[in-house]
Amino acid sequence: MFDFIVYPGDVKQGKPAPDIFIQAAKGVGLKTTECVGFEDAPAGVKGIKDANMPAIAITHNSSEDFSNADLVLTSTSELDFYEIMKKFN
C-alpha cells in the first residue's frame, strides 16, 4: 500500500522537529516543497512547516491551536484531492 514508511525510531529527533517529514520526502525521492504533510497535532504541524512543507491539519474537533496550518479540516472525510492539488500546486 505504501512505497515508503518512516518510523519515529528512524530519525534523531521526534516532533516537533522536522526530521521525520524530511526523511519521508527523501524516501519517496521528493523535495519537501514538493510534498504536503497531514497532521492531527500542533507539534506535528510545526514539524511539517519547519520542513518547508505545506501543512494540512486534521483537528477531529480539537480545540488546540492549528493556526499555523495552511489548511484546517475537522475530519479526513473532508479531504478532496482535487482541491488540495489546486491549493498547493
N, C-alpha and C. Protein backbone atom coordinates (compact mmCIF):
# COMPACT_ATOMS: atom_id res chain seq x y z
N MET A 1 0.82 -1.19 0.00
CA MET A 1 0.00 0.00 0.00
C MET A 1 0.87 1.26 0.00
N PHE A 2 1.92 1.29 0.79
CA PHE A 2 2.79 2.45 0.86
C PHE A 2 4.15 2.09 0.27
N ASP A 3 4.74 3.03 -0.46
CA ASP A 3 6.06 2.82 -1.04
C ASP A 3 7.17 3.03 -0.02
N PHE A 4 6.91 3.84 0.99
CA PHE A 4 7.95 4.17 1.95
C PHE A 4 7.30 4.55 3.27
N ILE A 5 7.84 4.06 4.36
CA ILE A 5 7.33 4.37 5.70
C ILE A 5 8.50 4.81 6.57
N VAL A 6 8.29 5.87 7.35
CA VAL A 6 9.30 6.33 8.31
C VAL A 6 8.72 6.13 9.71
N TYR A 7 9.49 5.50 10.57
CA TYR A 7 9.09 5.31 11.96
C TYR A 7 9.83 6.32 12.83
N PRO A 8 9.25 6.71 13.96
CA PRO A 8 9.93 7.67 14.83
C PRO A 8 11.35 7.25 15.20
N GLY A 9 11.59 5.96 15.34
CA GLY A 9 12.92 5.47 15.67
C GLY A 9 13.93 5.62 14.55
N ASP A 10 13.45 5.95 13.35
CA ASP A 10 14.33 6.11 12.19
C ASP A 10 15.01 7.48 12.14
N VAL A 11 14.59 8.40 12.99
CA VAL A 11 15.13 9.77 12.96
C VAL A 11 15.69 10.14 14.33
N LYS A 12 16.58 11.13 14.34
CA LYS A 12 17.23 11.53 15.59
C LYS A 12 16.28 12.24 16.53
N GLN A 13 15.49 13.18 15.99
CA GLN A 13 14.60 13.98 16.83
C GLN A 13 13.15 13.75 16.43
N GLY A 14 12.30 13.61 17.43
CA GLY A 14 10.88 13.47 17.17
C GLY A 14 10.21 14.83 17.00
N LYS A 15 8.92 14.78 16.75
CA LYS A 15 8.15 16.01 16.58
C LYS A 15 8.23 16.83 17.87
N PRO A 16 8.33 18.11 17.78
CA PRO A 16 8.06 18.98 16.64
C PRO A 16 9.24 19.21 15.70
N ALA A 17 10.35 18.51 15.88
CA ALA A 17 11.45 18.64 14.92
C ALA A 17 10.97 18.15 13.55
N PRO A 18 11.50 18.70 12.47
CA PRO A 18 11.04 18.34 11.13
C PRO A 18 11.65 17.05 10.58
N ASP A 19 12.50 16.39 11.35
CA ASP A 19 13.28 15.25 10.85
C ASP A 19 12.45 14.19 10.14
N ILE A 20 11.35 13.77 10.74
CA ILE A 20 10.56 12.68 10.17
C ILE A 20 9.94 13.07 8.83
N PHE A 21 9.58 14.34 8.68
CA PHE A 21 8.97 14.80 7.43
C PHE A 21 10.03 14.94 6.34
N ILE A 22 11.21 15.40 6.72
CA ILE A 22 12.32 15.49 5.76
C ILE A 22 12.71 14.10 5.28
N GLN A 23 12.79 13.14 6.21
CA GLN A 23 13.14 11.76 5.86
C GLN A 23 12.08 11.14 4.96
N ALA A 24 10.82 11.42 5.21
CA ALA A 24 9.74 10.89 4.37
C ALA A 24 9.86 11.42 2.95
N ALA A 25 10.13 12.69 2.80
CA ALA A 25 10.29 13.27 1.46
C ALA A 25 11.47 12.63 0.74
N LYS A 26 12.59 12.49 1.43
CA LYS A 26 13.77 11.84 0.83
C LYS A 26 13.45 10.42 0.41
N GLY A 27 12.69 9.73 1.24
CA GLY A 27 12.36 8.33 0.97
C GLY A 27 11.55 8.11 -0.29
N VAL A 28 10.77 9.11 -0.67
CA VAL A 28 9.99 8.99 -1.91
C VAL A 28 10.62 9.79 -3.04
N GLY A 29 11.83 10.31 -2.79
CA GLY A 29 12.58 10.98 -3.84
C GLY A 29 12.08 12.37 -4.21
N LEU A 30 11.49 13.07 -3.24
CA LEU A 30 10.97 14.41 -3.50
C LEU A 30 11.62 15.44 -2.58
N LYS A 31 11.58 16.69 -3.01
CA LYS A 31 11.95 17.79 -2.13
C LYS A 31 10.79 18.01 -1.17
N THR A 32 11.07 18.54 -0.01
CA THR A 32 9.97 18.79 0.94
C THR A 32 8.96 19.77 0.37
N THR A 33 9.41 20.68 -0.47
CA THR A 33 8.49 21.66 -1.08
C THR A 33 7.57 21.02 -2.11
N GLU A 34 7.85 19.77 -2.47
CA GLU A 34 7.01 19.04 -3.43
C GLU A 34 6.02 18.12 -2.72
N CYS A 35 5.96 18.20 -1.41
CA CYS A 35 5.11 17.33 -0.59
C CYS A 35 4.07 18.16 0.15
N VAL A 36 3.07 17.47 0.67
CA VAL A 36 2.09 18.07 1.57
C VAL A 36 2.02 17.16 2.79
N GLY A 37 2.12 17.75 3.98
CA GLY A 37 2.05 16.97 5.20
C GLY A 37 0.68 17.05 5.85
N PHE A 38 0.27 15.94 6.44
CA PHE A 38 -1.01 15.84 7.15
C PHE A 38 -0.70 15.53 8.60
N GLU A 39 -1.36 16.24 9.51
CA GLU A 39 -1.11 16.04 10.94
C GLU A 39 -2.36 16.31 11.75
N ASP A 40 -2.43 15.65 12.92
CA ASP A 40 -3.56 15.88 13.81
C ASP A 40 -3.12 16.47 15.15
N ALA A 41 -1.88 16.95 15.20
CA ALA A 41 -1.37 17.57 16.43
C ALA A 41 -0.58 18.83 16.07
N PRO A 42 -0.72 19.87 16.88
CA PRO A 42 0.03 21.11 16.61
C PRO A 42 1.54 20.90 16.51
N ALA A 43 2.11 20.01 17.32
CA ALA A 43 3.55 19.75 17.25
C ALA A 43 3.93 19.18 15.88
N GLY A 44 3.09 18.32 15.34
CA GLY A 44 3.34 17.77 14.01
C GLY A 44 3.22 18.82 12.93
N VAL A 45 2.24 19.70 13.05
CA VAL A 45 2.08 20.79 12.07
C VAL A 45 3.32 21.68 12.10
N LYS A 46 3.85 21.95 13.29
CA LYS A 46 5.08 22.75 13.39
C LYS A 46 6.23 22.05 12.68
N GLY A 47 6.35 20.74 12.87
CA GLY A 47 7.40 19.98 12.20
C GLY A 47 7.27 20.03 10.69
N ILE A 48 6.05 19.91 10.20
CA ILE A 48 5.80 19.99 8.75
C ILE A 48 6.23 21.35 8.23
N LYS A 49 5.79 22.41 8.89
CA LYS A 49 6.13 23.76 8.45
C LYS A 49 7.64 24.00 8.52
N ASP A 50 8.29 23.49 9.56
CA ASP A 50 9.74 23.65 9.69
C ASP A 50 10.50 22.85 8.63
N ALA A 51 9.83 21.86 8.03
CA ALA A 51 10.42 21.10 6.93
C ALA A 51 10.16 21.78 5.58
N ASN A 52 9.52 22.94 5.62
CA ASN A 52 9.16 23.70 4.41
C ASN A 52 8.14 22.98 3.54
N MET A 53 7.21 22.31 4.20
CA MET A 53 6.09 21.66 3.51
C MET A 53 4.81 22.41 3.84
N PRO A 54 3.86 22.43 2.91
CA PRO A 54 2.52 22.88 3.28
C PRO A 54 1.93 21.88 4.27
N ALA A 55 1.17 22.38 5.23
CA ALA A 55 0.61 21.53 6.28
C ALA A 55 -0.91 21.55 6.25
N ILE A 56 -1.49 20.36 6.29
CA ILE A 56 -2.93 20.21 6.44
C ILE A 56 -3.18 19.61 7.82
N ALA A 57 -3.93 20.33 8.63
CA ALA A 57 -4.27 19.86 9.98
C ALA A 57 -5.62 19.18 9.94
N ILE A 58 -5.70 18.01 10.56
CA ILE A 58 -6.96 17.29 10.74
C ILE A 58 -7.25 17.37 12.24
N THR A 59 -8.21 18.22 12.62
CA THR A 59 -8.38 18.57 14.04
C THR A 59 -9.22 17.59 14.84
N HIS A 60 -10.09 16.82 14.22
CA HIS A 60 -11.00 15.93 14.95
C HIS A 60 -11.74 16.70 16.04
N ASN A 61 -12.15 17.93 15.71
CA ASN A 61 -12.88 18.81 16.63
C ASN A 61 -12.07 19.23 17.85
N SER A 62 -10.76 19.14 17.78
CA SER A 62 -9.91 19.56 18.88
C SER A 62 -9.95 21.08 19.03
N SER A 63 -9.78 21.54 20.25
CA SER A 63 -9.74 22.99 20.49
C SER A 63 -8.30 23.52 20.47
N GLU A 64 -7.34 22.66 20.10
CA GLU A 64 -5.94 23.09 20.05
C GLU A 64 -5.74 24.10 18.92
N ASP A 65 -4.65 24.83 19.00
CA ASP A 65 -4.34 25.89 18.03
C ASP A 65 -3.64 25.31 16.80
N PHE A 66 -4.32 25.34 15.66
CA PHE A 66 -3.77 24.89 14.39
C PHE A 66 -3.61 26.06 13.42
N SER A 67 -3.46 27.26 13.95
CA SER A 67 -3.45 28.45 13.10
C SER A 67 -2.25 28.51 12.15
N ASN A 68 -1.20 27.76 12.42
CA ASN A 68 -0.05 27.79 11.51
C ASN A 68 -0.18 26.80 10.35
N ALA A 69 -1.26 26.02 10.33
CA ALA A 69 -1.50 25.10 9.21
C ALA A 69 -1.99 25.89 7.99
N ASP A 70 -1.69 25.36 6.82
CA ASP A 70 -2.13 26.00 5.58
C ASP A 70 -3.59 25.70 5.27
N LEU A 71 -4.07 24.58 5.77
CA LEU A 71 -5.46 24.18 5.59
C LEU A 71 -5.87 23.42 6.84
N VAL A 72 -7.03 23.73 7.38
CA VAL A 72 -7.51 23.07 8.59
C VAL A 72 -8.83 22.38 8.27
N LEU A 73 -8.88 21.08 8.53
CA LEU A 73 -10.08 20.29 8.33
C LEU A 73 -10.45 19.61 9.64
N THR A 74 -11.71 19.32 9.80
CA THR A 74 -12.17 18.63 11.00
C THR A 74 -11.93 17.14 10.92
N SER A 75 -12.05 16.59 9.72
CA SER A 75 -12.00 15.14 9.54
C SER A 75 -11.36 14.80 8.20
N THR A 76 -10.82 13.61 8.11
CA THR A 76 -10.28 13.16 6.82
C THR A 76 -11.37 13.01 5.77
N SER A 77 -12.61 12.90 6.20
CA SER A 77 -13.71 12.80 5.23
C SER A 77 -13.87 14.09 4.43
N GLU A 78 -13.28 15.17 4.91
CA GLU A 78 -13.32 16.45 4.19
C GLU A 78 -12.22 16.58 3.14
N LEU A 79 -11.32 15.61 3.09
CA LEU A 79 -10.23 15.68 2.12
C LEU A 79 -10.76 15.58 0.70
N ASP A 80 -10.31 16.47 -0.14
CA ASP A 80 -10.68 16.47 -1.56
C ASP A 80 -9.38 16.63 -2.35
N PHE A 81 -8.95 15.55 -2.99
CA PHE A 81 -7.68 15.53 -3.69
C PHE A 81 -7.55 16.68 -4.67
N TYR A 82 -8.58 16.94 -5.44
CA TYR A 82 -8.51 17.99 -6.46
C TYR A 82 -8.40 19.39 -5.84
N GLU A 83 -9.08 19.62 -4.75
CA GLU A 83 -8.97 20.90 -4.06
C GLU A 83 -7.57 21.08 -3.47
N ILE A 84 -7.02 20.01 -2.93
CA ILE A 84 -5.66 20.07 -2.39
C ILE A 84 -4.67 20.37 -3.50
N MET A 85 -4.81 19.72 -4.64
CA MET A 85 -3.91 19.97 -5.77
C MET A 85 -4.02 21.42 -6.24
N LYS A 86 -5.23 21.95 -6.29
CA LYS A 86 -5.41 23.34 -6.71
C LYS A 86 -4.75 24.30 -5.72
N LYS A 87 -4.92 24.01 -4.43
CA LYS A 87 -4.40 24.91 -3.40
C LYS A 87 -2.88 24.89 -3.34
N PHE A 88 -2.27 23.74 -3.51
CA PHE A 88 -0.83 23.62 -3.28
C PHE A 88 -0.01 23.38 -4.54
N ASN A 89 -0.62 23.40 -5.68
CA ASN A 89 0.13 23.13 -6.92
C ASN A 89 0.87 24.36 -7.38
